[in-house]
């Protein structure tokens, strides 16, 4: 509802698509949570919805055995807690920043909070306002912006913790990628996230 109320043209397009979906024979979903949501929210019989789950590219996101190949170009980060993704409200980033602010200052100094992903100017400004609001030293939080898949895998392999605080995910691919790289992962207990973490 939050997304549809922002743009009347998009709302019309979206509702038209929902109408067209009712004519499809079978639906393949990327998680059981998505399958359940589809069955609950639309007049689609359960038998027409098949969960095929999802996966990640093992050539990129599985641990590297040769330790010489795993020398990080991000060594300057030191120890860090990693978040990867967008910053719209369902991603719950404000709560992540607030939770980080509750760590004592020594822990914050030891473990930076690193954000990966291309952010809109508005999103980054909002995040920086939260950092001020929660009285966090700005040098403890790092915005890396866009990184390619190989760099992302490297960040996963070297993080102290990967966090996915989302309130709603269809699957949550970064969680699977992080775990596949050997990262310790913590996530919310909403929608597909417990399904992916296991």
Protein backbone atom coordinates (compact mmCIF):
# COMPACT_ATOMS: atom_id res chain seq x y z
CA UNK A 1 0.00 0.00 0.00
CA UNK A 2 2.84 2.41 0.88
CA UNK A 3 4.35 2.00 -2.60
CA UNK A 4 1.02 2.22 -4.47
CA UNK A 5 -0.06 5.41 -2.72
CA UNK A 6 3.00 7.28 -4.03
CA UNK A 7 2.12 7.21 -7.74
CA UNK A 8 -1.39 6.97 -9.20
CA UNK A 9 -0.08 5.90 -12.63
CA UNK A 10 1.96 3.09 -11.12
CA UNK A 11 -1.00 2.01 -8.98
CA UNK A 12 -3.16 1.64 -12.11
CA UNK A 13 -0.39 -0.31 -13.89
CA UNK A 14 0.12 -2.58 -10.85
CA UNK A 15 -3.59 -3.37 -10.37
CA UNK A 16 -3.89 -4.14 -14.10
CA UNK A 17 -0.96 -6.59 -13.77
CA UNK A 18 -2.67 -8.27 -10.79
CA UNK A 19 -5.75 -8.75 -12.96
CA UNK A 20 -3.64 -10.33 -15.72
CA UNK A 21 -1.96 -12.66 -13.21
CA UNK A 22 -5.27 -14.37 -12.49
CA UNK A 23 -5.18 -15.79 -16.05
CA UNK A 24 -1.80 -17.56 -15.65
CA UNK A 25 -1.82 -21.35 -15.33
CA UNK A 26 1.09 -21.85 -12.89
CA UNK A 27 3.30 -19.65 -10.73
CA UNK A 28 6.89 -20.40 -9.81
CA UNK A 29 8.02 -18.62 -6.64
CA UNK A 30 11.46 -18.08 -5.14
CA UNK A 31 10.39 -18.97 -1.57
CA UNK A 32 7.60 -20.63 0.36
CA UNK A 33 6.90 -17.28 1.99
CA UNK A 34 6.22 -15.78 -1.46
CA UNK A 35 4.06 -18.78 -2.38
CA UNK A 36 2.02 -18.35 0.82
CA UNK A 37 1.65 -14.61 0.23
CA UNK A 38 0.53 -15.15 -3.36
CA UNK A 39 -2.08 -17.66 -2.20
CA UNK A 40 -3.25 -15.38 0.61
CA UNK A 41 -3.42 -12.08 -1.27
CA UNK A 42 -4.70 -13.13 -4.70
CA UNK A 43 -7.49 -15.44 -5.80
CA UNK A 44 -5.06 -18.12 -6.95
CA UNK A 45 -5.47 -21.76 -5.99
CA UNK A 46 -2.64 -23.22 -3.92
CA UNK A 47 -2.17 -26.03 -6.45
CA UNK A 48 -1.17 -23.47 -9.11
CA UNK A 49 1.73 -22.14 -7.02
CA UNK A 50 5.05 -24.00 -6.97
CA UNK A 51 8.03 -22.95 -4.84
CA UNK A 52 11.29 -23.54 -6.75
CA UNK A 53 13.40 -21.56 -4.22
CA UNK A 54 16.53 -19.76 -5.37
CA UNK A 55 20.30 -20.05 -5.43
CA UNK A 56 23.50 -18.11 -6.00
CA UNK A 57 26.41 -18.42 -8.39
CA UNK A 58 28.75 -20.93 -6.76
CA UNK A 59 31.66 -19.81 -8.94
CA UNK A 60 31.55 -16.42 -7.17
CA UNK A 61 29.91 -16.87 -3.78
CA UNK A 62 31.31 -20.10 -2.39
CA UNK A 63 34.43 -19.98 -0.16
CA UNK A 64 37.81 -19.85 -1.85
CA UNK A 65 40.00 -22.76 -0.71
CA UNK A 66 43.31 -21.15 -1.71
CA UNK A 67 43.87 -18.54 1.02
CA UNK A 68 46.32 -16.65 -1.22
CA UNK A 69 43.40 -15.82 -3.50
CA UNK A 70 41.42 -14.38 -0.60
CA UNK A 71 43.62 -11.37 0.21
CA UNK A 72 41.15 -8.56 0.77
CA UNK A 73 41.38 -5.25 -1.06
CA UNK A 74 39.12 -4.01 1.75
CA UNK A 75 41.69 -4.60 4.54
CA UNK A 76 41.53 -0.92 5.46
CA UNK A 77 38.01 -1.54 6.78
CA UNK A 78 39.34 -3.63 9.68
CA UNK A 79 36.54 -5.54 11.43
CA UNK A 80 33.08 -4.74 10.14
CA UNK A 81 29.38 -5.55 10.24
CA UNK A 82 27.99 -5.66 6.70
CA UNK A 83 24.64 -4.69 5.23
CA UNK A 84 23.94 -5.06 1.51
CA UNK A 85 20.87 -3.70 -0.22
CA UNK A 86 18.44 -0.87 -0.66
CA UNK A 87 17.13 1.48 2.02
CA UNK A 88 13.39 1.59 1.41
CA UNK A 89 11.26 1.27 4.55
CA UNK A 90 10.75 -2.52 4.35
CA UNK A 91 14.54 -3.00 4.59
CA UNK A 92 14.40 -1.67 8.18
CA UNK A 93 17.74 0.15 7.92
CA UNK A 94 16.76 2.81 10.43
CA UNK A 95 16.33 0.07 13.05
CA UNK A 96 19.72 -1.38 12.10
CA UNK A 97 21.39 2.01 12.65
CA UNK A 98 19.50 2.42 15.92
CA UNK A 99 20.60 -1.06 17.09
CA UNK A 100 24.20 -0.24 16.17
CA UNK A 101 23.95 2.95 18.25
CA UNK A 102 23.16 0.80 21.30
CA UNK A 103 26.56 -0.91 21.12
CA UNK A 104 29.08 0.65 23.47
CA UNK A 105 31.49 3.09 21.82
CA UNK A 106 34.45 0.69 22.08
CA UNK A 107 32.55 -1.96 20.10
CA UNK A 108 31.48 0.64 17.54
CA UNK A 109 35.10 1.72 17.17
CA UNK A 110 36.21 -1.91 16.75
CA UNK A 111 33.39 -2.96 14.36
CA UNK A 112 32.46 -0.44 11.67
CA UNK A 113 28.99 -0.68 10.10
CA UNK A 114 29.47 -0.99 6.33
CA UNK A 115 26.74 -0.37 3.76
CA UNK A 116 27.06 -1.79 0.26
CA UNK A 117 24.78 -0.92 -2.64
CA UNK A 118 23.99 2.01 -4.85
CA UNK A 119 21.90 4.48 -2.89
CA UNK A 120 19.85 7.39 -4.09
CA UNK A 121 21.00 10.75 -2.78
CA UNK A 122 17.81 10.94 -0.70
CA UNK A 123 18.46 7.50 0.86
CA UNK A 124 22.05 8.29 1.81
CA UNK A 125 21.01 11.68 3.23
CA UNK A 126 18.29 10.00 5.29
CA UNK A 127 20.76 7.40 6.61
CA UNK A 128 23.23 10.13 7.56
CA UNK A 129 20.43 11.97 9.40
CA UNK A 130 19.72 8.78 11.40
CA UNK A 131 23.43 8.52 12.24
CA UNK A 132 23.24 12.05 13.69
CA UNK A 133 19.93 11.35 15.42
CA UNK A 134 21.36 8.29 17.18
CA UNK A 135 24.59 10.12 18.05
CA UNK A 136 26.96 7.76 16.21
CA UNK A 137 30.45 8.87 15.26
CA UNK A 138 30.17 9.22 11.43
CA UNK A 139 33.62 7.63 11.01
CA UNK A 140 32.19 4.35 12.37
CA UNK A 141 29.77 4.00 9.44
CA UNK A 142 31.00 3.51 5.87
CA UNK A 143 29.04 3.76 2.62
CA UNK A 144 30.89 1.86 -0.11
CA UNK A 145 28.25 2.33 -2.79
CA UNK A 146 28.06 -0.09 -5.71
CA UNK A 147 30.51 -3.01 -5.79
CA UNK A 148 30.71 -5.79 -8.37
CA UNK A 149 29.93 -9.44 -7.50
CA UNK A 150 33.55 -10.41 -6.91
CA UNK A 151 34.06 -7.46 -4.55
CA UNK A 152 30.80 -8.29 -2.79
CA UNK A 153 31.91 -11.90 -2.28
CA UNK A 154 35.18 -10.59 -0.85
CA UNK A 155 33.27 -8.33 1.56
CA UNK A 156 31.12 -11.29 2.63
CA UNK A 157 34.20 -13.48 3.20
CA UNK A 158 35.89 -10.90 5.38
CA UNK A 159 33.01 -9.43 7.41
CA UNK A 160 32.61 -10.18 11.10
CA UNK A 161 28.83 -10.33 10.68
CA UNK A 162 26.29 -9.90 7.88
CA UNK A 163 22.93 -8.42 8.95
CA UNK A 164 19.59 -8.56 7.10
CA UNK A 165 17.00 -6.72 9.25
CA UNK A 166 14.25 -6.60 6.58
CA UNK A 167 10.57 -6.60 7.45
CA UNK A 168 9.68 -8.18 4.10
CA UNK A 169 11.68 -10.19 1.56
CA UNK A 170 10.61 -12.33 -1.37
CA UNK A 171 13.73 -14.45 -0.93
CA UNK A 172 16.73 -12.55 0.48
CA UNK A 173 19.54 -13.49 -1.90
CA UNK A 174 22.28 -11.54 -0.03
CA UNK A 175 21.68 -13.81 2.99
CA UNK A 176 22.36 -16.94 0.92
CA UNK A 177 25.36 -15.31 -0.77
CA UNK A 178 26.82 -14.28 2.60
CA UNK A 179 26.35 -17.74 4.11
CA UNK A 180 27.84 -19.34 0.99
CA UNK A 181 30.94 -17.20 1.53
CA UNK A 182 31.19 -18.41 5.13
CA UNK A 183 29.94 -15.21 6.79
CA UNK A 184 28.10 -15.37 10.11
CA UNK A 185 24.56 -14.11 9.38
CA UNK A 186 21.78 -12.69 11.49
CA UNK A 187 18.39 -11.71 10.11
CA UNK A 188 14.88 -10.79 11.12
CA UNK A 189 12.29 -13.52 11.56
CA UNK A 190 9.94 -12.17 8.87
CA UNK A 191 8.67 -13.62 5.58
CA UNK A 192 11.32 -15.68 3.74
CA UNK A 193 14.33 -14.82 5.90
CA UNK A 194 14.03 -17.72 8.41
CA UNK A 195 13.47 -20.03 5.42
CA UNK A 196 16.79 -18.96 3.88
CA UNK A 197 18.81 -18.91 7.11
CA UNK A 198 17.32 -22.24 8.25
